Protein backbone atom coordinates (compact mmCIF):
# COMPACT_ATOMS: atom_id res chain seq x y z
CA MET A 1 56.07 -3.10 8.24
CA ARG A 2 53.69 -4.26 5.56
CA ARG A 3 52.16 -6.86 7.90
CA ARG A 4 51.70 -4.28 10.68
CA SER A 5 50.11 -1.84 8.24
CA PHE A 6 47.75 -4.53 7.00
CA LEU A 7 46.68 -5.44 10.54
CA ALA A 8 46.13 -1.78 11.39
CA LEU A 9 43.99 -1.33 8.28
CA ALA A 10 41.98 -4.47 9.09
CA ALA A 11 41.36 -3.17 12.60
CA LEU A 12 40.21 0.17 11.23
CA LEU A 13 37.83 -1.48 8.79
CA THR A 14 36.32 -3.59 11.56
CA LEU A 15 35.91 -0.52 13.77
CA THR A 16 34.11 1.47 11.10
CA GLY A 17 32.01 -1.43 9.89
CA CYS A 18 33.61 -1.50 6.42
CA GLU A 19 34.43 -5.16 6.36
CA GLY A 20 35.93 -5.30 2.88
CA VAL A 21 32.70 -6.33 1.11
CA GLN A 22 33.45 -6.33 -2.60
CA GLY A 23 29.99 -7.17 -3.92
CA ASN A 24 28.94 -9.58 -6.61
CA ALA A 25 29.14 -7.39 -9.73
CA GLY A 26 29.88 -9.41 -12.85
CA THR A 27 29.67 -12.80 -11.15
CA LEU A 28 26.03 -13.79 -11.79
CA ALA A 29 24.60 -15.68 -14.76
CA PHE A 30 21.00 -14.56 -14.10
CA THR A 31 19.50 -17.92 -15.04
CA THR A 32 16.78 -18.13 -12.36
CA PRO A 33 13.38 -16.48 -12.78
CA LEU A 34 12.69 -13.94 -10.08
CA HIS A 35 10.48 -15.57 -7.46
CA ILE A 36 7.24 -13.65 -7.02
CA PRO A 37 5.81 -14.34 -3.54
CA PRO A 38 2.24 -15.66 -3.69
CA VAL A 39 -0.52 -13.30 -2.61
CA LEU A 40 -2.61 -14.03 0.47
CA ASP A 41 -5.78 -11.95 0.11
CA PRO A 42 -8.65 -13.92 1.68
CA VAL A 43 -12.30 -13.20 1.06
CA ALA A 44 -14.05 -11.76 4.10
CA GLY A 45 -16.21 -14.22 6.00
CA ALA A 46 -19.84 -13.82 6.98
CA ASP A 47 -18.69 -11.65 9.89
CA GLY A 48 -16.93 -9.28 7.49
CA VAL A 49 -13.43 -10.27 8.68
CA LYS A 50 -10.55 -11.29 6.39
CA ARG A 51 -8.61 -14.07 8.12
CA PHE A 52 -4.93 -14.66 7.42
CA PRO A 53 -3.42 -17.98 8.63
CA LEU A 54 0.35 -17.55 9.09
CA ARG A 55 2.82 -20.12 10.38
CA LEU A 56 6.43 -19.48 11.38
CA GLN A 57 8.34 -22.61 10.39
CA GLU A 58 11.71 -24.16 9.67
CA GLY A 59 12.63 -25.19 6.16
CA ARG A 60 15.34 -26.20 3.73
CA THR A 61 15.81 -23.96 0.71
CA GLU A 62 18.29 -23.84 -2.17
CA LEU A 63 19.39 -20.25 -1.67
CA LEU A 64 22.44 -21.12 -3.75
CA PRO A 65 21.79 -23.51 -6.67
CA GLY A 66 22.24 -27.14 -5.66
CA LYS A 67 23.05 -26.35 -2.03
CA PRO A 68 20.04 -26.73 0.31
CA ALA A 69 20.32 -24.54 3.40
CA ALA A 70 18.53 -24.47 6.73
CA THR A 71 16.11 -21.53 6.59
CA TRP A 72 13.04 -20.12 8.28
CA GLY A 73 9.89 -18.97 6.54
CA ILE A 74 6.23 -18.07 6.90
CA ASN A 75 3.81 -20.54 5.29
CA GLY A 76 6.83 -21.99 3.53
CA GLY A 77 10.53 -22.68 3.87
CA HIS A 78 11.84 -19.14 3.25
CA LEU A 79 10.23 -15.68 3.40
CA GLY A 80 6.44 -15.35 3.41
CA PRO A 81 3.48 -14.57 1.17
CA THR A 82 2.54 -11.06 0.13
CA LEU A 83 -0.41 -10.08 2.29
CA ARG A 84 -2.99 -7.77 0.74
CA ALA A 85 -5.81 -5.76 2.29
CA LYS A 86 -7.80 -2.62 1.55
CA ARG A 87 -8.46 0.42 3.65
CA GLY A 88 -11.55 -0.34 5.72
CA ASP A 89 -10.95 -4.10 5.81
CA ARG A 90 -11.23 -5.86 9.14
CA VAL A 91 -8.25 -8.24 9.24
CA ALA A 92 -7.53 -11.07 11.70
CA MET A 93 -4.18 -12.81 11.82
CA ALA A 94 -3.64 -16.28 13.25
CA VAL A 95 0.14 -16.44 13.71
CA THR A 96 1.25 -19.90 14.82
CA ASN A 97 4.81 -20.41 15.98
CA GLY A 98 6.16 -23.66 14.57
CA LEU A 99 9.73 -22.83 15.58
CA GLY A 100 11.66 -24.23 18.50
CA GLU A 101 11.87 -20.85 20.25
CA ALA A 102 9.65 -17.87 20.99
CA GLY A 103 9.15 -15.21 18.33
CA THR A 104 6.92 -12.39 17.17
CA LEU A 105 5.53 -10.93 13.96
CA HIS A 106 5.52 -7.14 13.65
CA TRP A 107 3.50 -5.25 11.01
CA HIS A 108 6.09 -2.67 9.96
CA GLY A 109 4.37 0.48 8.69
CA MET A 110 0.88 -0.52 9.81
CA ARG A 111 -1.16 1.92 11.89
CA LEU A 112 -2.89 -0.16 14.52
CA PRO A 113 -3.38 -0.59 18.29
CA ALA A 114 -0.19 -1.24 20.27
CA ALA A 115 -1.39 -4.65 21.49
CA MET A 116 -1.66 -5.77 17.84
CA ASP A 117 1.72 -4.35 16.77
CA GLY A 118 3.80 -7.51 17.19
CA GLY A 119 6.66 -5.92 19.06
CA PRO A 120 8.74 -7.59 21.78
CA HIS A 121 5.79 -7.53 24.22
CA GLN A 122 3.70 -9.79 21.97
CA MET A 123 5.86 -12.89 22.03
CA ILE A 124 4.48 -16.20 20.73
CA ARG A 125 5.61 -19.34 22.53
CA PRO A 126 6.65 -22.41 20.49
CA GLY A 127 3.42 -24.10 19.44
CA GLY A 128 1.36 -21.07 20.41
CA THR A 129 -0.90 -18.91 18.24
CA TRP A 130 -1.30 -15.15 18.40
CA ASN A 131 -4.56 -13.62 17.10
CA PRO A 132 -4.27 -9.87 16.51
CA GLU A 133 -7.23 -8.18 14.80
CA TRP A 134 -7.67 -4.61 13.58
CA THR A 135 -9.31 -2.43 10.95
CA VAL A 136 -6.96 -1.20 8.22
CA ASP A 137 -7.13 2.59 8.26
CA GLN A 138 -4.36 4.23 6.23
CA PRO A 139 -3.63 5.24 2.64
CA ALA A 140 -2.31 2.78 0.06
CA ALA A 141 1.26 1.78 0.88
CA SER A 142 3.87 -0.96 0.65
CA THR A 143 4.30 -2.11 4.25
CA TRP A 144 5.95 -5.33 5.40
CA TYR A 145 6.10 -7.79 8.29
CA HIS A 146 8.98 -9.38 10.20
CA PRO A 147 9.87 -10.66 13.70
CA HIS A 148 10.69 -8.32 16.57
CA PRO A 149 11.95 -10.41 19.55
CA HIS A 150 14.18 -8.24 21.73
CA GLY A 151 17.80 -9.26 21.28
CA GLN A 152 17.10 -11.79 18.50
CA THR A 153 15.58 -9.80 15.64
CA ALA A 154 18.72 -9.86 13.46
CA ARG A 155 18.91 -13.66 13.51
CA HIS A 156 15.19 -14.22 12.92
CA VAL A 157 14.97 -11.83 9.95
CA TYR A 158 18.24 -13.08 8.45
CA ARG A 159 17.01 -16.69 8.45
CA GLY A 160 14.03 -15.68 6.31
CA LEU A 161 11.10 -14.44 8.37
CA ALA A 162 9.83 -11.51 6.27
CA GLY A 163 7.20 -10.63 3.70
CA MET A 164 5.40 -7.67 2.16
CA PHE A 165 1.99 -6.37 3.20
CA LEU A 166 0.35 -4.25 0.50
CA VAL A 167 -2.39 -1.83 1.49
CA ASP A 168 -4.82 -0.58 -1.16
CA ASP A 169 -7.39 2.20 -1.00
CA ASP A 170 -10.16 3.70 -3.12
CA THR A 171 -8.12 6.58 -4.54
CA PRO A 172 -7.69 5.91 -8.27
CA VAL A 173 -4.10 6.39 -9.49
CA ALA A 174 -2.98 5.33 -12.96
CA LEU A 175 0.04 3.28 -11.91
CA PRO A 176 0.95 -0.27 -12.99
CA SER A 177 -1.05 -2.53 -10.69
CA GLU A 178 -1.14 -6.12 -12.01
CA TYR A 179 0.76 -8.00 -9.32
CA GLY A 180 3.54 -10.18 -10.69
CA VAL A 181 3.20 -8.72 -14.20
CA ASP A 182 3.83 -4.97 -14.05
CA ASP A 183 3.68 -4.50 -10.25
CA ILE A 184 6.64 -6.36 -8.76
CA PRO A 185 7.84 -6.70 -5.15
CA LEU A 186 11.63 -6.67 -4.71
CA ILE A 187 12.77 -7.77 -1.23
CA VAL A 188 16.52 -7.07 -1.28
CA GLN A 189 18.65 -8.90 1.31
CA ASP A 190 22.40 -9.43 1.52
CA LYS A 191 23.75 -12.77 2.73
CA LYS A 192 26.97 -14.57 3.55
CA PHE A 193 27.29 -18.27 2.76
CA THR A 194 29.55 -21.04 3.96
CA SER A 195 31.28 -23.31 1.44
CA THR A 196 28.34 -25.73 1.67
CA GLY A 197 25.75 -23.03 0.96
CA GLN A 198 24.55 -22.58 4.54
CA LEU A 199 23.79 -19.13 5.92
CA ASP A 200 26.80 -17.66 7.71
CA GLU A 201 25.45 -16.14 10.93
CA ASP A 202 28.48 -14.17 12.08
CA PHE A 203 26.90 -10.93 13.27
CA GLY A 204 30.17 -9.46 14.56
CA GLY A 205 31.45 -6.00 13.68
CA THR A 206 30.02 -2.57 14.30
CA PHE A 207 26.99 -3.07 12.06
CA GLY A 208 26.60 -6.81 12.29
CA LEU A 209 26.45 -8.85 9.14
CA LEU A 210 27.32 -7.26 5.78
CA GLY A 211 26.97 -9.93 3.11
CA ASP A 212 28.82 -10.33 -0.16
CA GLN A 213 25.88 -11.93 -1.99
CA ILE A 214 22.36 -10.66 -2.67
CA LEU A 215 19.02 -12.44 -2.76
CA VAL A 216 15.98 -10.71 -4.24
CA ASN A 217 12.72 -12.31 -3.08
CA GLY A 218 14.99 -15.13 -1.94
CA THR A 219 16.30 -15.65 -5.50
CA TYR A 220 20.00 -15.86 -6.34
CA GLY A 221 20.93 -14.37 -9.72
CA PRO A 222 17.33 -13.50 -10.71
CA PHE A 223 15.99 -12.30 -14.03
CA PHE A 224 12.60 -10.79 -14.81
CA ARG A 225 10.92 -10.54 -18.22
CA PRO A 226 8.83 -7.35 -18.57
CA THR A 227 5.86 -7.69 -20.89
CA THR A 228 4.62 -4.09 -20.49
CA SER A 229 6.24 -0.80 -21.43
CA ARG A 230 6.33 0.35 -17.80
CA VAL A 231 6.86 -1.65 -14.62
CA ARG A 232 6.29 -0.66 -11.00
CA LEU A 233 8.95 -1.96 -8.61
CA ARG A 234 8.16 -2.02 -4.89
CA VAL A 235 11.66 -2.06 -3.42
CA LEU A 236 12.06 -3.17 0.21
CA ASN A 237 15.44 -3.15 1.91
CA GLY A 238 14.95 -6.27 4.04
CA SER A 239 18.63 -6.52 4.97
CA ASN A 240 20.02 -6.50 8.48
CA ALA A 241 22.35 -3.54 7.97
CA HIS A 242 23.33 -2.86 4.37
CA VAL A 243 22.36 0.46 2.77
CA TYR A 244 21.85 0.32 -0.99
CA THR A 245 22.24 3.00 -3.65
CA VAL A 246 19.87 1.65 -6.29
CA GLY A 247 19.86 2.44 -10.00
CA PHE A 248 20.29 0.86 -13.42
CA ALA A 249 23.58 -0.07 -15.04
CA ASP A 250 22.86 2.16 -18.05
CA ASP A 251 22.05 5.09 -15.73
CA ARG A 252 18.53 5.39 -17.11
CA GLU A 253 16.02 7.69 -15.53
CA PHE A 254 13.02 6.31 -13.65
CA HIS A 255 10.37 7.83 -11.40
CA VAL A 256 9.88 7.38 -7.66
CA VAL A 257 6.13 7.38 -6.97
CA ALA A 258 5.91 6.34 -3.31
CA SER A 259 7.94 6.08 -0.12
CA ASP A 260 7.38 4.01 3.02
CA ALA A 261 3.92 5.18 4.04
CA GLY A 262 2.32 6.04 0.72
CA LEU A 263 2.36 7.94 -2.54
CA LEU A 264 4.34 11.09 -3.18
CA ALA A 265 2.60 14.26 -4.31
CA LYS A 266 3.95 13.68 -7.83
CA PRO A 267 6.43 11.39 -9.60
CA VAL A 268 10.07 12.32 -9.04
CA ALA A 269 12.60 11.62 -11.79
CA LEU A 270 15.83 10.04 -10.53
CA LYS A 271 18.71 7.89 -11.67
CA ARG A 272 19.65 6.55 -8.22
CA PHE A 273 18.21 6.49 -4.72
CA LYS A 274 19.50 5.42 -1.32
CA ILE A 275 17.50 2.96 0.78
CA SER A 276 18.36 1.78 4.30
CA PRO A 277 17.07 -1.28 6.20
CA GLY A 278 13.30 -1.23 6.66
CA GLU A 279 12.70 1.53 4.09
CA ARG A 280 10.56 1.06 0.98
CA ALA A 281 10.47 2.93 -2.32
CA GLU A 282 8.11 2.42 -5.24
CA VAL A 283 9.55 3.28 -8.66
CA VAL A 284 8.18 3.12 -12.19
CA VAL A 285 10.64 2.36 -14.98
CA ALA A 286 10.12 2.26 -18.75
CA PHE A 287 11.42 -0.51 -21.01
CA GLN A 288 11.93 -0.89 -24.75
CA PRO A 289 11.12 -4.15 -26.56
CA GLY A 290 13.91 -6.71 -26.38
CA GLU A 291 16.31 -4.64 -24.28
CA GLN A 292 18.36 -5.98 -21.36
CA VAL A 293 19.46 -3.98 -18.35
CA LEU A 294 20.70 -4.65 -14.82
CA LEU A 295 19.24 -3.17 -11.66
CA LYS A 296 22.22 -2.55 -9.38
CA SER A 297 23.35 -1.24 -6.03
CA PHE A 298 26.32 1.04 -6.45
CA ASN A 299 29.21 1.46 -4.05
CA GLY A 300 28.12 4.32 -1.80
CA ASP A 301 29.69 7.01 0.33
CA SER A 302 28.76 5.69 3.77
CA ASP A 303 30.37 3.08 5.98
CA ILE A 304 27.60 0.54 5.31
CA GLU A 305 27.35 0.91 1.53
CA SER A 306 30.52 -0.93 0.53
CA GLY A 307 30.31 -3.21 -2.49
CA ASP A 308 29.04 -3.01 -6.05
CA PHE A 309 26.08 -5.40 -6.44
CA ASP A 310 24.03 -6.68 -9.35
CA LEU A 311 20.43 -7.20 -8.20
CA VAL A 312 18.09 -8.22 -11.03
CA LYS A 313 18.48 -8.57 -14.80
CA PHE A 314 15.54 -7.29 -16.81
CA THR A 315 15.11 -8.80 -20.29
CA ALA A 316 12.12 -7.21 -21.98
CA ALA A 317 9.86 -9.20 -24.27
CA ALA A 318 10.06 -8.57 -28.02
CA THR A 319 6.61 -7.00 -27.90
CA LEU A 320 5.45 -4.93 -24.94
CA ARG A 321 1.89 -4.10 -23.99
CA PRO A 322 1.55 -0.29 -23.75
CA SER A 323 1.23 1.13 -20.25
CA PRO A 324 -0.61 4.33 -19.35
CA GLU A 325 1.44 7.51 -19.09
CA LEU A 326 2.50 8.41 -15.58
CA PRO A 327 0.09 10.87 -13.96
CA SER A 328 1.44 14.32 -13.19
CA ALA A 329 -0.08 14.20 -9.69
CA LEU A 330 -0.30 11.23 -7.34
CA ALA A 331 -1.59 12.14 -3.87
CA ALA A 332 -2.84 15.27 -2.14
CA LEU A 333 -0.49 15.37 0.84
CA ALA A 334 -1.96 17.27 3.76
CA PRO A 335 -0.03 20.37 4.83
CA LEU A 336 2.04 19.93 7.96
CA LYS A 337 0.31 21.02 11.16
CA GLN A 338 1.78 23.11 13.94
CA ALA A 339 3.88 20.89 16.23
CA SER A 340 2.83 20.77 19.88
CA ARG A 341 6.35 19.97 21.12
CA THR A 342 9.84 18.90 20.09
CA ARG A 343 11.59 15.79 21.42
CA THR A 344 15.32 15.20 20.90
CA PHE A 345 16.88 11.75 20.47
CA ARG A 346 20.66 11.47 20.65
CA LEU A 347 21.77 8.44 18.65
CA GLY A 348 24.87 6.87 20.22
CA GLY A 349 26.75 3.78 19.12
CA SER A 350 24.05 1.39 20.33
CA ASN A 351 21.84 3.53 22.58
CA ILE A 352 19.39 6.42 22.43
CA ASN A 353 19.82 9.38 24.77
CA GLY A 354 22.51 7.41 26.57
CA ARG A 355 20.15 4.61 27.60
CA ASN A 356 19.68 1.07 26.35
CA MET A 357 16.30 -0.54 25.87
CA ASP A 358 14.47 -1.57 29.04
CA MET A 359 11.29 -3.59 28.50
CA THR A 360 9.82 -2.19 31.74
CA ARG A 361 10.54 1.51 31.07
CA ILE A 362 8.28 3.93 29.18
CA ASP A 363 10.54 6.55 27.62
CA GLU A 364 7.93 8.86 26.07
CA VAL A 365 4.23 9.50 26.64
CA VAL A 366 2.39 11.02 23.68
CA PRO A 367 -1.19 12.35 23.51
CA ALA A 368 -3.36 10.74 20.83
CA GLY A 369 -3.45 12.61 17.54
CA ALA A 370 -0.42 14.72 18.43
CA HIS A 371 1.79 16.40 15.84
CA GLU A 372 5.36 16.69 17.10
CA ILE A 373 8.87 17.36 15.88
CA TRP A 374 11.35 14.60 16.62
CA GLU A 375 14.96 15.68 16.26
CA LEU A 376 17.47 12.89 15.66
CA ASP A 377 21.00 13.90 16.61
CA ASN A 378 23.38 11.20 15.38
CA VAL A 379 26.70 11.71 17.17
CA THR A 380 28.34 8.51 15.86
CA TYR A 381 28.46 6.43 12.67
CA ALA A 382 25.52 5.67 10.35
CA HIS A 383 22.15 4.69 11.81
CA ASN A 384 18.56 4.79 10.71
CA PHE A 385 15.39 5.34 12.70
CA HIS A 386 11.98 3.65 12.61
CA ILE A 387 8.93 4.68 14.62
CA HIS A 388 6.10 2.19 15.05
CA GLU A 389 2.49 3.19 14.28
CA VAL A 390 3.23 6.70 12.95
CA ALA A 391 3.67 8.42 9.64
CA PHE A 392 6.20 11.23 9.46
CA ARG A 393 7.66 13.67 7.00
CA VAL A 394 11.35 14.57 6.88
CA LEU A 395 11.65 18.30 7.60
CA ASP A 396 15.38 18.73 7.08
CA VAL A 397 18.77 17.03 7.13
CA ASP A 398 21.44 19.17 8.78
CA GLY A 399 19.22 22.17 8.16
CA HIS A 400 18.70 21.45 4.46
CA GLN A 401 15.44 20.41 2.85
CA PRO A 402 15.47 16.70 1.95
CA PRO A 403 15.50 15.65 -1.71
CA GLU A 404 12.07 15.65 -3.31
CA HIS A 405 11.63 11.86 -3.25
CA LEU A 406 12.04 11.89 0.57
CA ARG A 407 9.32 14.48 1.18
CA GLY A 408 6.45 12.00 1.20
CA PRO A 409 5.01 10.00 4.12
CA LYS A 410 7.57 7.72 5.79
CA ASP A 411 8.11 5.58 8.87
CA THR A 412 11.86 4.86 8.57
CA VAL A 413 14.65 7.31 7.76
CA TYR A 414 18.38 7.00 7.12
CA VAL A 415 20.53 9.13 9.45
CA PRO A 416 24.15 9.40 8.22
CA GLY A 417 26.94 9.65 10.76
CA LYS A 418 27.37 13.02 12.52
CA THR A 419 24.06 14.28 11.12
CA LYS A 420 20.89 15.85 12.50
CA VAL A 421 17.53 14.96 10.97
CA ARG A 422 14.22 16.53 11.98
CA LEU A 423 10.90 14.77 11.51
CA ALA A 424 7.31 16.04 11.56
CA VAL A 425 5.57 13.10 13.25
CA GLU A 426 1.82 12.42 13.16
CA PHE A 427 0.58 10.07 15.88
CA GLY A 428 -2.54 7.95 15.71
CA HIS A 429 -5.60 7.70 17.94
CA HIS A 430 -5.26 4.17 19.38
CA THR A 431 -4.72 4.77 23.11
CA ASP A 432 -3.24 2.27 25.55
CA PRO A 433 -1.21 3.51 28.56
CA LYS A 434 -0.01 -0.01 29.40
CA THR A 435 1.17 -1.29 25.99
CA PRO A 436 4.05 0.49 24.27
CA TYR A 437 5.13 1.02 20.70
CA MET A 438 8.83 1.05 19.78
CA TYR A 439 11.21 3.51 18.17
CA HIS A 440 14.62 2.19 17.24
CA CYS A 441 17.52 1.91 14.86
CA HIS A 442 16.58 -0.58 12.12
CA ILE A 443 20.17 -1.73 11.73
CA LEU A 444 19.24 -4.94 13.45
CA LYS A 445 22.42 -5.51 15.44
CA HIS A 446 22.02 -2.04 16.94
CA GLU A 447 18.37 -2.75 17.74
CA ASP A 448 19.29 -6.07 19.39
CA GLN A 449 22.03 -4.37 21.42
CA GLY A 450 19.47 -2.01 22.91
CA MET A 451 19.21 0.95 20.53
CA MET A 452 15.47 1.14 21.09
CA GLY A 453 12.96 3.01 23.23
CA GLN A 454 9.29 2.73 24.09
CA PHE A 455 6.38 5.15 23.93
CA VAL A 456 2.71 4.94 24.74
CA ILE A 457 -0.17 6.89 23.23
CA VAL A 458 -2.71 8.11 25.81
CA ASP A 459 -5.83 10.24 26.02
CA PRO A 460 -4.86 13.93 25.81
CA GLY A 461 -4.54 15.44 29.26
CA THR A 462 -3.53 12.18 30.96
CA GLU A 463 0.17 12.30 30.09
CA ASN A 464 1.42 13.35 33.53
CA GLY A 465 -0.56 10.65 35.30
CA THR A 466 0.62 7.82 33.04
CA PRO A 467 2.97 5.36 34.77
CA ARG A 468 6.48 5.24 33.35
CA THR A 469 7.09 1.61 34.29
CA LEU A 470 5.50 -1.61 33.10
CA SER A 471 5.02 -4.91 34.83
CA MET A 472 6.11 -7.92 32.80
CA PRO A 473 3.31 -10.53 32.89
CA GLY A 474 3.59 -14.13 31.71
CA HIS A 475 5.63 -14.15 28.52
CA GLY A 476 3.91 -14.84 25.26
CA HIS A 477 0.81 -16.31 23.62
């Protein structure tokens, strides 16, 4: 009877996605300095264009100490540099594919023409180079970049193709801003390892891979030494599926100052926050001289939050340089405009509105500059939802106003199981009836299985005449 009960429980855990992940709490020595990705912020040329050379490549990296693993990276063996640009900059990317298979590079959170977006229609052949170019036109934000090949995104991101893309603007805000000193990127990713330290790529289960170890900026067991009294942490959930409930081991209060697409109206005091794959949160935390504290992910209440994880150990210097007080106001968020229409998206197990992704089908046609309500009706287990190009605000979750730190501009939102979430979505002005943007679940196994749709932005008044099918020309650059 005991054996039958155990097998029944194991089957249930597999079905729900809770794969018995216990986490790493208490197992790390924190002897490795937190890796800070180098910044790539080129000076504009004579033509006024900032040019970013990026190469997708294979590598070997000691993800676990003393155990080199096969990895992928961008301009290196694992992960990529932090790209930096300012509102108004003209940027040109030269993305060369040094891998043995086709891939893409998508600018997650960037507002730009669809042909420059790096989705599954902008594939780069092995040895090929893709040259997107656009003018940065959005408020300061912590965006990021990662591959987006249809059906293979989970594997490409998991192997290490990801990096942050920081956008600055001219609006002065008194927040910590010295990169690598008091302004720190934290790319949080869970992993599974074989006994030899290789990446385990078993993406089975409802949600795909849920790892029992954590890398932050690719570092195992990292520590960081604050030298200022306040530090800004730009937290990116770069994992395939895991949802984290982030806070400090001593339950200290900190302030959330920004979400995915930019600053909040004012700092929001919290002790913990939830962050799902693809989401970003900027927080400012205060330290005392000489103190030590762990940043953690706590065991959560959803089916993809299992495990208690230690993320980073902070050991403050004996003397800390004073930081400015947090401002009482951060950004003047524009009031929401009247929505022109409401669209409903029923989130199934691995489909949207009962249909799987079709590269030749346009699911939605949106007039440029539209303001719409998108209603996400999740009828199954946990998902999240990312919309390319746009910024949105969360109106409500099951009819209730979202918590204050989720009321700022976003592009990705967590949608718990059996929950309805409504979004006020603002679309851009880049029109292209033949090149789509994506909307999809950012749990990467679900995305790869087809939980994704396509929309185009067109000149207002041309929606009814826009073709709903695409031809598929020669594949890739």
